[in-house]
Amino acid sequence: MAGRRRWSTEEILDAAAELLRTSDAESFSVRKLAAALGTDSSSLYRHFRSKTELLRAVADRILLAAMDGHRPEGDWKQRITALALRLREAFGQQPQLAAVWGRYASSGTGSRLVMEEVLQALRASGLPDEEIPARYHRIAILIAALIASEAGVSTVTPGEREQGMELFRVAVLGADPERFPALAHFARDVRPLGADRRAAFEELLAAQLTHIEASIRPS
């Protein structure tokens, strides 16, 4: 009898990424992945100790691909903005994995490359070294949250999107002006969450970087 095929770590990650494109982190399991590969869970646990470790590795591959060929250019704010948009684009192509990154983060080479670039950019800003870790943390949370939020919207089906738009119109345009006077006043100008996502992403990031810049004391 032929022995069961041995899957490489990269092949396992390829299969996991493909499975996550049609599901989410909640419904994903090592058992389902093993079934897709035609093997048993124990063989996968030789490569990854847990589901969380596996998901972190999948997310890190997205970061690693996004950083491939990246060359920092411009001042510190331009560097962070370019990096954020690069990550946004990478996860935009695989939105199901954005939620994985936002929830589980990663600790591989891709994550270290992203951290290194942001930390180097912040050092170039003139911030004192003792302030940089906290500033980095705020930026990381903002970027991950924005990317995960946008990915969640992008995975909605056309039917679900149309239904959501109809509910939005009913909730906003049908608001009782006595109970919701501000909402009634701005009803025709308020836009749903899915509108102008890129512009919102850039504006929120720019506001955070401007806030950091304003705190830098001239040397």
C-alpha atoms as a PDB file:
ATOM      1  CA  MET A   1       0.000   0.000   0.000  1.00  0.00           C
ATOM      2  CA  ALA A   2       1.344   3.401  -0.946  1.00  0.00           C
ATOM      3  CA  GLY A   3       2.152   5.705   1.940  1.00  0.00           C
ATOM      4  CA  ARG A   4       0.074   8.775   2.568  1.00  0.00           C
ATOM      5  CA  ARG A   5       1.455  11.863   0.863  1.00  0.00           C
ATOM      6  CA  ARG A   6       3.520  14.220   3.000  1.00  0.00           C
ATOM      7  CA  TRP A   7       2.439  17.823   2.520  1.00  0.00           C
ATOM      8  CA  SER A   8       4.991  20.624   2.804  1.00  0.00           C
ATOM      9  CA  THR A   9       4.405  23.651   5.009  1.00  0.00           C
ATOM     10  CA  GLU A  10       3.951  25.862   1.942  1.00  0.00           C
ATOM     11  CA  GLU A  11       1.416  23.495   0.415  1.00  0.00           C
ATOM     12  CA  ILE A  12      -0.534  23.448   3.661  1.00  0.00           C
ATOM     13  CA  LEU A  13      -0.554  27.244   3.771  1.00  0.00           C
ATOM     14  CA  ASP A  14      -1.663  27.410   0.134  1.00  0.00           C
ATOM     15  CA  ALA A  15      -4.583  25.108   0.888  1.00  0.00           C
ATOM     16  CA  ALA A  16      -5.492  27.016   4.051  1.00  0.00           C
ATOM     17  CA  ALA A  17      -5.518  30.334   2.191  1.00  0.00           C
ATOM     18  CA  GLU A  18      -7.752  28.848  -0.491  1.00  0.00           C
ATOM     19  CA  LEU A  19     -10.139  27.447   2.111  1.00  0.00           C
ATOM     20  CA  LEU A  20     -10.297  30.813   3.879  1.00  0.00           C
ATOM     21  CA  ARG A  21     -11.266  32.552   0.643  1.00  0.00           C
ATOM     22  CA  THR A  22     -14.623  30.796   0.800  1.00  0.00           C
ATOM     23  CA  SER A  23     -15.103  30.744   4.579  1.00  0.00           C
ATOM     24  CA  ASP A  24     -13.929  32.669   7.629  1.00  0.00           C
ATOM     25  CA  ALA A  25     -11.749  32.172  10.654  1.00  0.00           C
ATOM     26  CA  GLU A  26     -14.697  31.095  12.783  1.00  0.00           C
ATOM     27  CA  SER A  27     -15.773  28.230  10.535  1.00  0.00           C
ATOM     28  CA  PHE A  28     -12.229  27.293   9.504  1.00  0.00           C
ATOM     29  CA  SER A  29     -10.780  24.252  11.248  1.00  0.00           C
ATOM     30  CA  VAL A  30      -7.700  22.075  10.979  1.00  0.00           C
ATOM     31  CA  ARG A  31     -10.041  19.123  10.438  1.00  0.00           C
ATOM     32  CA  LYS A  32     -11.624  20.772   7.381  1.00  0.00           C
ATOM     33  CA  LEU A  33      -8.204  21.648   6.022  1.00  0.00           C
ATOM     34  CA  ALA A  34      -6.992  18.094   6.515  1.00  0.00           C
ATOM     35  CA  ALA A  35     -10.072  16.783   4.677  1.00  0.00           C
ATOM     36  CA  ALA A  36      -9.390  19.157   1.771  1.00  0.00           C
ATOM     37  CA  LEU A  37      -5.838  17.801   1.572  1.00  0.00           C
ATOM     38  CA  GLY A  38      -6.946  14.198   1.897  1.00  0.00           C
ATOM     39  CA  THR A  39      -5.055  13.617   5.110  1.00  0.00           C
ATOM     40  CA  ASP A  40      -5.711  13.647   8.846  1.00  0.00           C
ATOM     41  CA  SER A  41      -5.353  16.475  11.359  1.00  0.00           C
ATOM     42  CA  SER A  42      -2.406  14.862  13.131  1.00  0.00           C
ATOM     43  CA  SER A  43      -0.232  15.213  10.042  1.00  0.00           C
ATOM     44  CA  LEU A  44      -0.890  18.978   9.977  1.00  0.00           C
ATOM     45  CA  TYR A  45      -0.122  19.379  13.668  1.00  0.00           C
ATOM     46  CA  ARG A  46       3.411  18.295  12.852  1.00  0.00           C
ATOM     47  CA  HIS A  47       3.757  21.638  11.055  1.00  0.00           C
ATOM     48  CA  PHE A  48       1.548  23.851  13.245  1.00  0.00           C
ATOM     49  CA  ARG A  49       0.785  23.343  16.921  1.00  0.00           C
ATOM     50  CA  SER A  50      -2.682  24.901  16.759  1.00  0.00           C
ATOM     51  CA  LYS A  51      -5.305  26.472  14.525  1.00  0.00           C
ATOM     52  CA  THR A  52      -4.233  29.914  15.739  1.00  0.00           C
ATOM     53  CA  GLU A  53      -0.609  29.289  14.802  1.00  0.00           C
ATOM     54  CA  LEU A  54      -1.711  28.156  11.351  1.00  0.00           C
ATOM     55  CA  LEU A  55      -3.932  31.224  10.835  1.00  0.00           C
ATOM     56  CA  ARG A  56      -1.123  33.523  11.911  1.00  0.00           C
ATOM     57  CA  ALA A  57       1.152  31.908   9.353  1.00  0.00           C
ATOM     58  CA  VAL A  58      -1.436  32.377   6.597  1.00  0.00           C
ATOM     59  CA  ALA A  59      -1.841  36.061   7.491  1.00  0.00           C
ATOM     60  CA  ASP A  60       1.913  36.527   7.582  1.00  0.00           C
ATOM     61  CA  ARG A  61       2.215  35.305   4.009  1.00  0.00           C
ATOM     62  CA  ILE A  62       0.017  38.221   2.917  1.00  0.00           C
ATOM     63  CA  LEU A  63       2.296  40.654   4.734  1.00  0.00           C
ATOM     64  CA  LEU A  64       5.375  39.000   3.245  1.00  0.00           C
ATOM     65  CA  ALA A  65       3.958  39.250  -0.279  1.00  0.00           C
ATOM     66  CA  ALA A  66       2.976  42.881   0.290  1.00  0.00           C
ATOM     67  CA  MET A  67       6.512  43.749   1.397  1.00  0.00           C
ATOM     68  CA  ASP A  68       8.156  41.947  -1.508  1.00  0.00           C
ATOM     69  CA  GLY A  69      10.015  44.552  -3.543  1.00  0.00           C
ATOM     70  CA  HIS A  70       8.932  47.413  -1.278  1.00  0.00           C
ATOM     71  CA  ARG A  71      11.363  50.335  -1.287  1.00  0.00           C
ATOM     72  CA  PRO A  72      10.773  53.165   1.218  1.00  0.00           C
ATOM     73  CA  GLU A  73      10.452  56.573  -0.449  1.00  0.00           C
ATOM     74  CA  GLY A  74       9.645  60.085   0.736  1.00  0.00           C
ATOM     75  CA  ASP A  75       9.441  61.497   4.227  1.00  0.00           C
ATOM     76  CA  TRP A  76       8.283  59.527   7.263  1.00  0.00           C
ATOM     77  CA  LYS A  77       4.583  60.247   6.720  1.00  0.00           C
ATOM     78  CA  GLN A  78       4.780  59.251   3.060  1.00  0.00           C
ATOM     79  CA  ARG A  79       6.555  56.030   4.013  1.00  0.00           C
ATOM     80  CA  ILE A  80       3.868  55.010   6.508  1.00  0.00           C
ATOM     81  CA  THR A  81       1.067  56.005   4.146  1.00  0.00           C
ATOM     82  CA  ALA A  82       2.594  54.044   1.256  1.00  0.00           C
ATOM     83  CA  LEU A  83       3.016  51.007   3.481  1.00  0.00           C
ATOM     84  CA  ALA A  84      -0.571  51.200   4.743  1.00  0.00           C
ATOM     85  CA  LEU A  85      -1.950  51.449   1.208  1.00  0.00           C
ATOM     86  CA  ARG A  86       0.238  48.529   0.156  1.00  0.00           C
ATOM     87  CA  LEU A  87      -1.218  46.386   2.945  1.00  0.00           C
ATOM     88  CA  ARG A  88      -4.727  47.583   2.093  1.00  0.00           C
ATOM     89  CA  GLU A  89      -4.278  46.469  -1.501  1.00  0.00           C
ATOM     90  CA  ALA A  90      -2.800  43.104  -0.515  1.00  0.00           C
ATOM     91  CA  PHE A  91      -5.642  42.224   1.830  1.00  0.00           C
ATOM     92  CA  GLY A  92      -8.174  43.717  -0.570  1.00  0.00           C
ATOM     93  CA  GLN A  93      -7.321  40.897  -2.976  1.00  0.00           C
ATOM     94  CA  GLN A  94      -7.989  38.333  -0.232  1.00  0.00           C
ATOM     95  CA  PRO A  95     -10.484  40.061   2.078  1.00  0.00           C
ATOM     96  CA  GLN A  96     -11.324  36.953   4.091  1.00  0.00           C
ATOM     97  CA  LEU A  97      -7.747  36.904   5.317  1.00  0.00           C
ATOM     98  CA  ALA A  98      -7.917  40.521   6.521  1.00  0.00           C
ATOM     99  CA  ALA A  99     -10.181  39.480   9.386  1.00  0.00           C
ATOM    100  CA  VAL A 100      -7.694  36.716  10.237  1.00  0.00           C
ATOM    101  CA  TRP A 101      -4.875  39.262  10.436  1.00  0.00           C
ATOM    102  CA  GLY A 102      -6.951  41.690  12.484  1.00  0.00           C
ATOM    103  CA  ARG A 103      -7.889  38.997  14.968  1.00  0.00           C
ATOM    104  CA  TYR A 104      -4.813  36.797  15.183  1.00  0.00           C
ATOM    105  CA  ALA A 105      -2.048  39.152  13.987  1.00  0.00           C
ATOM    106  CA  SER A 106       1.163  37.333  13.027  1.00  0.00           C
ATOM    107  CA  SER A 107       4.684  36.899  14.231  1.00  0.00           C
ATOM    108  CA  GLY A 108       6.561  35.824  11.119  1.00  0.00           C
ATOM    109  CA  THR A 109       8.964  37.542   8.760  1.00  0.00           C
ATOM    110  CA  GLY A 110       6.198  39.512   7.045  1.00  0.00           C
ATOM    111  CA  SER A 111       5.091  40.985  10.352  1.00  0.00           C
ATOM    112  CA  ARG A 112       8.664  41.883  11.270  1.00  0.00           C
ATOM    113  CA  LEU A 113       9.187  43.637   7.927  1.00  0.00           C
ATOM    114  CA  VAL A 114       6.061  45.750   8.454  1.00  0.00           C
ATOM    115  CA  MET A 115       7.049  46.593  12.028  1.00  0.00           C
ATOM    116  CA  GLU A 116      10.589  47.486  10.971  1.00  0.00           C
ATOM    117  CA  GLU A 117       9.390  49.898   8.291  1.00  0.00           C
ATOM    118  CA  VAL A 118       6.931  51.702  10.575  1.00  0.00           C
ATOM    119  CA  LEU A 119       9.462  51.946  13.406  1.00  0.00           C
ATOM    120  CA  GLN A 120      12.171  53.237  11.070  1.00  0.00           C
ATOM    121  CA  ALA A 121       9.783  55.824   9.647  1.00  0.00           C
ATOM    122  CA  LEU A 122       8.850  56.991  13.146  1.00  0.00           C
ATOM    123  CA  ARG A 123      12.515  57.312  14.089  1.00  0.00           C
ATOM    124  CA  ALA A 124      12.992  59.463  10.995  1.00  0.00           C
ATOM    125  CA  SER A 125      10.150  61.724  12.169  1.00  0.00           C
ATOM    126  CA  GLY A 126      12.202  63.092  15.042  1.00  0.00           C
ATOM    127  CA  LEU A 127      10.128  61.517  17.800  1.00  0.00           C
ATOM    128  CA  PRO A 128      12.101  60.628  20.934  1.00  0.00           C
ATOM    129  CA  ASP A 129      12.830  56.903  21.109  1.00  0.00           C
ATOM    130  CA  GLU A 130      10.790  56.506  24.296  1.00  0.00           C
ATOM    131  CA  GLU A 131       7.615  57.690  22.515  1.00  0.00           C
ATOM    132  CA  ILE A 132       7.954  55.547  19.411  1.00  0.00           C
ATOM    133  CA  PRO A 133       6.599  52.187  20.696  1.00  0.00           C
ATOM    134  CA  ALA A 134       3.307  53.758  21.824  1.00  0.00           C
ATOM    135  CA  ARG A 135       2.941  55.685  18.567  1.00  0.00           C
ATOM    136  CA  TYR A 136       3.681  52.538  16.601  1.00  0.00           C
ATOM    137  CA  HIS A 137       0.975  50.687  18.516  1.00  0.00           C
ATOM    138  CA  ARG A 138      -1.659  53.321  17.669  1.00  0.00           C
ATOM    139  CA  ILE A 139      -0.756  53.236  13.995  1.00  0.00           C
ATOM    140  CA  ALA A 140      -0.803  49.433  13.868  1.00  0.00           C
ATOM    141  CA  ILE A 141      -4.236  49.273  15.501  1.00  0.00           C
ATOM    142  CA  LEU A 142      -5.631  51.902  13.140  1.00  0.00           C
ATOM    143  CA  ILE A 143      -4.321  50.237   9.973  1.00  0.00           C
ATOM    144  CA  ALA A 144      -5.437  46.745  11.014  1.00  0.00           C
ATOM    145  CA  ALA A 145      -8.889  47.991  12.041  1.00  0.00           C
ATOM    146  CA  LEU A 146      -9.428  49.949   8.826  1.00  0.00           C
ATOM    147  CA  ILE A 147      -8.309  47.055   6.637  1.00  0.00           C
ATOM    148  CA  ALA A 148     -10.424  44.500   8.515  1.00  0.00           C
ATOM    149  CA  SER A 149     -13.465  46.793   8.428  1.00  0.00           C
ATOM    150  CA  GLU A 150     -13.122  47.407   4.706  1.00  0.00           C
ATOM    151  CA  ALA A 151     -12.610  43.724   4.015  1.00  0.00           C
ATOM    152  CA  GLY A 152     -15.806  42.916   5.870  1.00  0.00           C
ATOM    153  CA  VAL A 153     -17.754  45.215   3.572  1.00  0.00           C
ATOM    154  CA  SER A 154     -16.107  43.842   0.431  1.00  0.00           C
ATOM    155  CA  THR A 155     -17.147  40.249   1.178  1.00  0.00           C
ATOM    156  CA  VAL A 156     -20.848  41.118   1.173  1.00  0.00           C
ATOM    157  CA  THR A 157     -22.700  39.623  -1.805  1.00  0.00           C
ATOM    158  CA  PRO A 158     -24.503  41.904  -4.303  1.00  0.00           C
ATOM    159  CA  GLY A 159     -27.852  40.751  -2.936  1.00  0.00           C
ATOM    160  CA  GLU A 160     -26.818  41.433   0.636  1.00  0.00           C
ATOM    161  CA  ARG A 161     -25.422  44.813  -0.384  1.00  0.00           C
ATOM    162  CA  GLU A 162     -28.673  45.848  -2.059  1.00  0.00           C
ATOM    163  CA  GLN A 163     -30.692  44.702   0.925  1.00  0.00           C
ATOM    164  CA  GLY A 164     -28.365  46.632   3.227  1.00  0.00           C
ATOM    165  CA  MET A 165     -28.717  49.768   1.112  1.00  0.00           C
ATOM    166  CA  GLU A 166     -32.491  49.523   1.261  1.00  0.00           C
ATOM    167  CA  LEU A 167     -32.414  49.123   5.035  1.00  0.00           C
ATOM    168  CA  PHE A 168     -30.032  52.079   5.252  1.00  0.00           C
ATOM    169  CA  ARG A 169     -32.360  54.258   3.201  1.00  0.00           C
ATOM    170  CA  VAL A 170     -35.344  53.274   5.334  1.00  0.00           C
ATOM    171  CA  ALA A 171     -33.447  53.904   8.579  1.00  0.00           C
ATOM    172  CA  VAL A 172     -32.062  57.279   7.479  1.00  0.00           C
ATOM    173  CA  LEU A 173     -34.678  58.819   5.214  1.00  0.00           C
ATOM    174  CA  GLY A 174     -37.508  57.479   7.350  1.00  0.00           C
ATOM    175  CA  ALA A 175     -36.126  58.790  10.632  1.00  0.00           C
ATOM    176  CA  ASP A 176     -38.679  60.590  12.805  1.00  0.00           C
ATOM    177  CA  PRO A 177     -37.485  64.245  12.873  1.00  0.00           C
ATOM    178  CA  GLU A 178     -38.845  64.782  16.370  1.00  0.00           C
ATOM    179  CA  ARG A 179     -36.927  61.878  17.857  1.00  0.00           C
ATOM    180  CA  PHE A 180     -33.886  62.073  15.544  1.00  0.00           C
ATOM    181  CA  PRO A 181     -33.667  65.754  14.536  1.00  0.00           C
ATOM    182  CA  ALA A 182     -29.975  65.695  13.532  1.00  0.00           C
ATOM    183  CA  LEU A 183     -30.378  62.502  11.512  1.00  0.00           C
ATOM    184  CA  ALA A 184     -33.414  63.907   9.724  1.00  0.00           C
ATOM    185  CA  HIS A 185     -31.526  67.131   8.995  1.00  0.00           C
ATOM    186  CA  PHE A 186     -28.523  65.349   7.432  1.00  0.00           C
ATOM    187  CA  ALA A 187     -30.415  62.362   6.013  1.00  0.00           C
ATOM    188  CA  ARG A 188     -29.825  63.115   2.335  1.00  0.00           C
ATOM    189  CA  ASP A 189     -26.097  63.652   2.845  1.00  0.00           C
ATOM    190  CA  VAL A 190     -25.231  60.803   5.218  1.00  0.00           C
ATOM    191  CA  ARG A 191     -23.536  57.995   3.332  1.00  0.00           C
ATOM    192  CA  PRO A 192     -23.408  54.251   4.102  1.00  0.00           C
ATOM    193  CA  LEU A 193     -20.268  52.655   5.494  1.00  0.00           C
ATOM    194  CA  GLY A 194     -19.326  51.169   2.142  1.00  0.00           C
ATOM    195  CA  ALA A 195     -18.973  54.549   0.412  1.00  0.00           C
ATOM    196  CA  ASP A 196     -15.577  56.161  -0.316  1.00  0.00           C
ATOM    197  CA  ARG A 197     -13.626  53.619   1.691  1.00  0.00           C
ATOM    198  CA  ARG A 198     -10.244  54.552   0.232  1.00  0.00           C
ATOM    199  CA  ALA A 199     -10.750  58.257   0.908  1.00  0.00           C
ATOM    200  CA  ALA A 200     -11.821  57.534   4.474  1.00  0.00           C
ATOM    201  CA  PHE A 201      -8.831  55.222   4.953  1.00  0.00           C
ATOM    202  CA  GLU A 202      -6.367  57.873   3.800  1.00  0.00           C
ATOM    203  CA  GLU A 203      -8.011  60.700   5.752  1.00  0.00           C
ATOM    204  CA  LEU A 204      -8.072  58.785   9.042  1.00  0.00           C
ATOM    205  CA  LEU A 205      -4.461  57.694   8.643  1.00  0.00           C
ATOM    206  CA  ALA A 206      -3.404  61.226   7.670  1.00  0.00           C
ATOM    207  CA  ALA A 207      -5.127  62.609  10.767  1.00  0.00           C
ATOM    208  CA  GLN A 208      -3.211  60.195  12.999  1.00  0.00           C
ATOM    209  CA  LEU A 209       0.116  61.075  11.359  1.00  0.00           C
ATOM    210  CA  THR A 210      -0.636  64.803  11.602  1.00  0.00           C
ATOM    211  CA  HIS A 211      -1.400  64.319  15.296  1.00  0.00           C
ATOM    212  CA  ILE A 212       1.988  62.668  15.756  1.00  0.00           C
ATOM    213  CA  GLU A 213       3.729  65.401  13.779  1.00  0.00           C
ATOM    214  CA  ALA A 214       2.145  68.096  15.956  1.00  0.00           C
ATOM    215  CA  SER A 215       3.597  66.446  19.064  1.00  0.00           C
ATOM    216  CA  ILE A 216       7.179  66.504  17.795  1.00  0.00           C
ATOM    217  CA  ARG A 217       9.172  69.205  19.501  1.00  0.00           C
ATOM    218  CA  PRO A 218      11.786  70.985  17.348  1.00  0.00           C
ATOM    219  CA  SER A 219      15.285  69.892  18.231  1.00  0.00           C
END
